[in-house]
Protein backbone atom coordinates (compact mmCIF):
# COMPACT_ATOMS: atom_id res chain seq x y z
CA MET A 1 -56.97 92.15 -127.11
CA ARG A 2 -53.78 90.55 -125.80
CA VAL A 3 -53.65 86.77 -125.44
CA LEU A 4 -50.88 84.95 -123.60
CA LEU A 5 -50.31 81.23 -123.33
CA ASP A 6 -48.02 80.33 -120.45
CA GLY A 7 -46.72 83.90 -120.54
CA ASN A 8 -46.05 83.98 -124.29
CA GLU A 9 -48.21 86.14 -126.53
CA ILE A 10 -50.07 84.29 -129.30
CA PRO A 11 -52.11 85.64 -132.25
CA THR A 12 -55.89 85.33 -132.56
CA THR A 13 -58.26 85.86 -135.46
CA GLU A 14 -60.85 87.89 -133.52
CA PRO A 15 -60.92 89.94 -130.28
CA THR A 16 -63.24 87.48 -128.47
CA LEU A 17 -62.86 85.01 -125.64
CA ALA A 18 -63.95 82.17 -127.91
CA SER A 19 -61.21 83.03 -130.39
CA ALA A 20 -58.61 83.37 -127.62
CA ILE A 21 -59.44 79.98 -126.13
CA ASP A 22 -59.49 78.33 -129.55
CA ALA A 23 -56.09 79.79 -130.44
CA GLY A 24 -54.69 78.75 -127.09
CA ARG A 25 -56.04 75.23 -127.39
CA VAL A 26 -54.49 74.78 -130.83
CA ALA A 27 -51.13 76.14 -129.67
CA ALA A 28 -51.19 74.00 -126.53
CA GLU A 29 -52.12 70.82 -128.41
CA THR A 30 -49.32 71.46 -130.90
CA ALA A 31 -46.93 71.42 -127.94
CA GLY A 32 -48.57 68.30 -126.50
CA ARG A 33 -50.25 70.19 -123.68
CA ALA A 34 -53.79 71.03 -122.51
CA ILE A 35 -55.38 74.27 -121.28
CA ILE A 36 -56.24 74.16 -117.57
CA GLU A 37 -56.95 77.82 -116.74
CA VAL A 38 -58.36 80.90 -118.47
CA VAL A 39 -58.13 84.33 -116.87
CA VAL A 40 -59.58 87.53 -118.37
CA ASN A 41 -58.33 90.80 -116.91
CA GLY A 42 -57.34 88.99 -113.72
CA GLU A 43 -60.67 87.16 -113.32
CA PRO A 44 -60.80 83.35 -113.78
CA VAL A 45 -63.30 82.03 -116.32
CA THR A 46 -65.25 79.00 -115.09
CA GLY A 47 -68.29 76.84 -115.85
CA GLY A 48 -70.35 77.93 -118.81
CA GLY A 49 -67.81 80.59 -119.68
CA LEU A 50 -65.45 77.77 -120.62
CA ASP A 51 -68.00 75.38 -122.10
CA GLU A 52 -69.48 78.06 -124.37
CA PRO A 53 -67.03 81.01 -124.39
CA SER A 54 -68.42 84.38 -125.42
CA THR A 55 -68.15 85.56 -129.00
CA ASP A 56 -68.64 89.20 -127.94
CA ALA A 57 -65.76 91.54 -128.71
CA ILE A 58 -63.51 92.32 -125.74
CA GLU A 59 -61.18 94.91 -127.25
CA GLY A 60 -58.33 95.86 -124.95
CA ALA A 61 -58.75 92.82 -122.67
CA GLU A 62 -55.88 90.63 -121.52
CA VAL A 63 -56.52 86.89 -121.69
CA ARG A 64 -54.05 84.64 -119.90
CA LEU A 65 -54.13 80.92 -120.64
CA THR A 66 -52.27 78.32 -118.63
CA SER A 67 -51.48 74.84 -119.94
CA THR A 68 -50.08 71.67 -118.49
CA ASP A 69 -48.90 68.23 -119.49
CA PRO A 70 -52.14 66.26 -120.09
CA VAL A 71 -50.75 63.08 -118.54
CA SER A 72 -50.02 64.87 -115.26
CA LEU A 73 -53.45 66.51 -115.39
CA VAL A 74 -55.26 63.23 -115.97
CA LYS A 75 -53.31 61.38 -113.28
CA THR A 76 -54.04 64.11 -110.74
CA THR A 77 -57.74 64.31 -111.53
CA LEU A 78 -58.12 60.52 -111.46
CA LEU A 79 -56.43 60.30 -108.06
CA ASP A 80 -58.49 63.22 -106.74
CA ALA A 81 -61.67 61.51 -107.94
CA ALA A 82 -60.60 58.25 -106.30
CA ASP A 83 -59.91 60.01 -102.99
CA ALA A 84 -63.26 61.82 -103.15
CA LEU A 85 -65.13 58.60 -103.82
CA GLU A 86 -63.20 56.79 -101.08
CA SER A 87 -64.28 59.50 -98.63
CA THR A 88 -67.95 58.84 -99.43
CA ARG A 89 -67.88 55.17 -98.46
CA PRO A 90 -68.93 55.75 -94.82
CA GLN A 91 -71.56 58.21 -96.08
CA HIS A 92 -73.32 55.47 -98.04
CA THR A 93 -74.01 53.62 -94.79
CA GLU A 94 -75.01 56.83 -93.02
CA ILE A 95 -77.42 57.73 -95.81
CA ALA A 96 -79.03 54.28 -95.78
CA GLU A 97 -79.37 54.28 -92.01
CA GLY A 98 -80.76 57.82 -92.00
CA LEU A 99 -83.41 56.94 -94.57
CA GLN A 100 -84.35 53.78 -92.69
CA ALA A 101 -84.63 55.78 -89.45
CA GLY A 102 -86.95 58.33 -91.04
CA GLN A 103 -84.34 61.11 -91.03
CA ALA A 104 -84.90 61.88 -94.69
CA GLY A 105 -83.87 65.54 -94.75
CA GLY A 106 -80.21 65.15 -93.81
CA ALA A 107 -79.88 61.82 -95.58
CA LEU A 108 -81.15 63.19 -98.88
CA GLU A 109 -78.75 66.15 -98.65
CA GLN A 110 -75.89 63.70 -98.17
CA LEU A 111 -77.20 61.61 -101.04
CA ALA A 112 -77.20 64.59 -103.41
CA SER A 113 -73.54 65.41 -102.69
CA THR A 114 -72.56 61.74 -102.91
CA LEU A 115 -74.22 61.33 -106.30
CA GLN A 116 -72.34 64.40 -107.56
CA ILE A 117 -69.08 62.69 -106.61
CA TRP A 118 -70.18 59.54 -108.42
CA GLN A 119 -70.94 61.57 -111.53
CA ALA A 120 -67.57 63.30 -111.33
CA ALA A 121 -65.82 59.92 -111.05
CA GLN A 122 -67.43 58.71 -114.27
CA ASP A 123 -66.68 61.95 -116.09
CA VAL A 124 -63.04 62.03 -115.01
CA LEU A 125 -62.49 58.46 -116.16
CA THR A 126 -64.07 58.82 -119.61
CA ARG A 127 -63.03 62.40 -120.38
CA GLY A 128 -59.56 61.97 -118.94
CA TRP A 129 -58.88 58.93 -121.07
CA MET A 130 -60.27 60.74 -124.12
CA LEU A 131 -57.90 63.65 -123.43
CA LEU A 132 -55.05 61.17 -123.72
CA GLY A 133 -56.50 59.88 -127.00
CA ARG A 134 -57.40 56.57 -125.43
CA ASP A 135 -60.57 54.63 -124.60
CA ALA A 136 -61.43 53.85 -120.98
CA ALA A 137 -62.92 50.58 -122.24
CA SER A 138 -59.34 49.35 -122.73
CA LEU A 139 -58.83 49.31 -118.95
CA THR A 140 -59.19 46.08 -116.99
CA PRO A 141 -61.84 46.15 -114.24
CA PRO A 142 -60.86 45.07 -110.72
CA THR A 143 -61.30 41.30 -110.27
CA GLU A 144 -63.41 41.79 -107.15
CA SER A 145 -65.91 43.87 -109.14
CA GLY A 146 -67.08 40.73 -110.94
CA ALA A 147 -67.36 42.78 -114.14
CA ASP A 148 -66.03 41.56 -117.47
CA SER A 149 -65.25 45.08 -118.67
CA VAL A 150 -65.19 48.72 -117.65
CA GLU A 151 -68.24 49.21 -119.84
CA GLN A 152 -70.06 46.67 -117.69
CA MET A 153 -69.01 48.52 -114.54
CA VAL A 154 -70.38 51.75 -116.01
CA GLU A 155 -73.64 50.08 -117.00
CA ARG A 156 -74.10 48.49 -113.57
CA LEU A 157 -73.59 51.88 -111.95
CA ALA A 158 -76.06 53.46 -114.39
CA VAL A 159 -78.67 50.83 -113.49
CA GLU A 160 -78.36 51.61 -109.77
CA LEU A 161 -78.47 55.36 -110.35
CA ARG A 162 -81.62 54.95 -112.45
CA GLU A 163 -83.16 52.89 -109.66
CA ILE A 164 -82.41 55.66 -107.16
CA LYS A 165 -84.04 58.19 -109.46
CA ARG A 166 -87.11 55.97 -109.85
CA ALA A 167 -87.37 55.34 -106.11
CA LEU A 168 -87.05 59.02 -105.31
CA GLY A 169 -89.77 59.80 -107.82
CA ASP A 170 -92.02 57.22 -106.13
CA GLN A 171 -90.96 58.47 -102.67
CA ASP A 172 -89.83 54.93 -101.93
CA LEU A 173 -87.08 55.82 -99.47
CA ALA A 174 -86.66 52.21 -98.37
CA ALA A 175 -85.66 51.28 -101.91
CA VAL A 176 -83.23 54.23 -102.05
CA ALA A 177 -81.67 53.05 -98.79
CA ASP A 178 -81.26 49.52 -100.16
CA VAL A 179 -79.52 50.71 -103.34
CA VAL A 180 -77.21 53.10 -101.51
CA GLY A 181 -76.32 50.75 -98.68
CA TYR A 182 -76.21 47.39 -100.45
CA GLU A 183 -75.23 48.28 -104.01
CA LEU A 184 -73.38 51.60 -104.23
CA GLU A 185 -71.32 51.19 -101.07
CA PRO A 186 -69.42 48.06 -102.21
CA MET A 187 -69.37 49.40 -105.78
CA ALA A 188 -67.49 52.47 -104.53
CA GLU A 189 -64.55 50.29 -103.48
CA HIS A 190 -64.33 48.79 -106.97
CA TRP A 191 -64.47 52.22 -108.62
CA VAL A 192 -61.78 53.60 -106.33
CA THR A 193 -59.53 50.72 -107.38
CA LEU A 194 -60.35 51.33 -111.05
CA LEU A 195 -59.61 55.07 -110.86
CA ARG A 196 -56.29 54.54 -109.10
CA ASP A 197 -55.31 51.83 -111.56
CA ALA A 198 -56.17 54.18 -114.43
CA ALA A 199 -54.01 56.89 -112.86
CA GLY A 200 -51.12 54.45 -112.69
CA ARG A 201 -51.55 53.59 -116.37
CA ALA A 202 -52.00 57.14 -117.64
CA ASP A 203 -48.39 57.52 -118.74
CA SER A 204 -48.14 54.06 -120.35
CA ASN A 205 -48.49 53.54 -124.09
């Protein structure tokens, strides 16, 4: 098995994808970088293949790893998450109105995709800050959010998401509409501000 990190061959202990990724991660971290892409014999590895890479032998395979500066990566992902969440703001109103009008099918489809974006926003903030060796709790929440801390913003969001889950389980679509339209929609603005502020602070000490 041949393993290359940014075009340079690196040694591995075993001819497995898990070993290749581990070796690449160590080498990248030593250089102050982070792995962003794994390609085996020309095919990108995604999802579970990255989360739990195979320990099966892949003799003769070529594994190409690409790394980047973690600060640039975190800034980009934070800004992308902010833009994605910003784009959902009109959808919150559409979802609420659709549920109130009895158009549950389309509204619930929109809700599912919107909640995925919310989840991604949380993950990017916490995992991105961890990648930089920092704690997202050190960030200052937007004044207009009324929150004393980022942790409080996260908890408030968690409360509303739990309420949506409960209401869906009870088939209480009116309650779902209220949470989405009256709680999540204004909350989205505060989170967009937080994500963009975090991106701006990513390269500060």
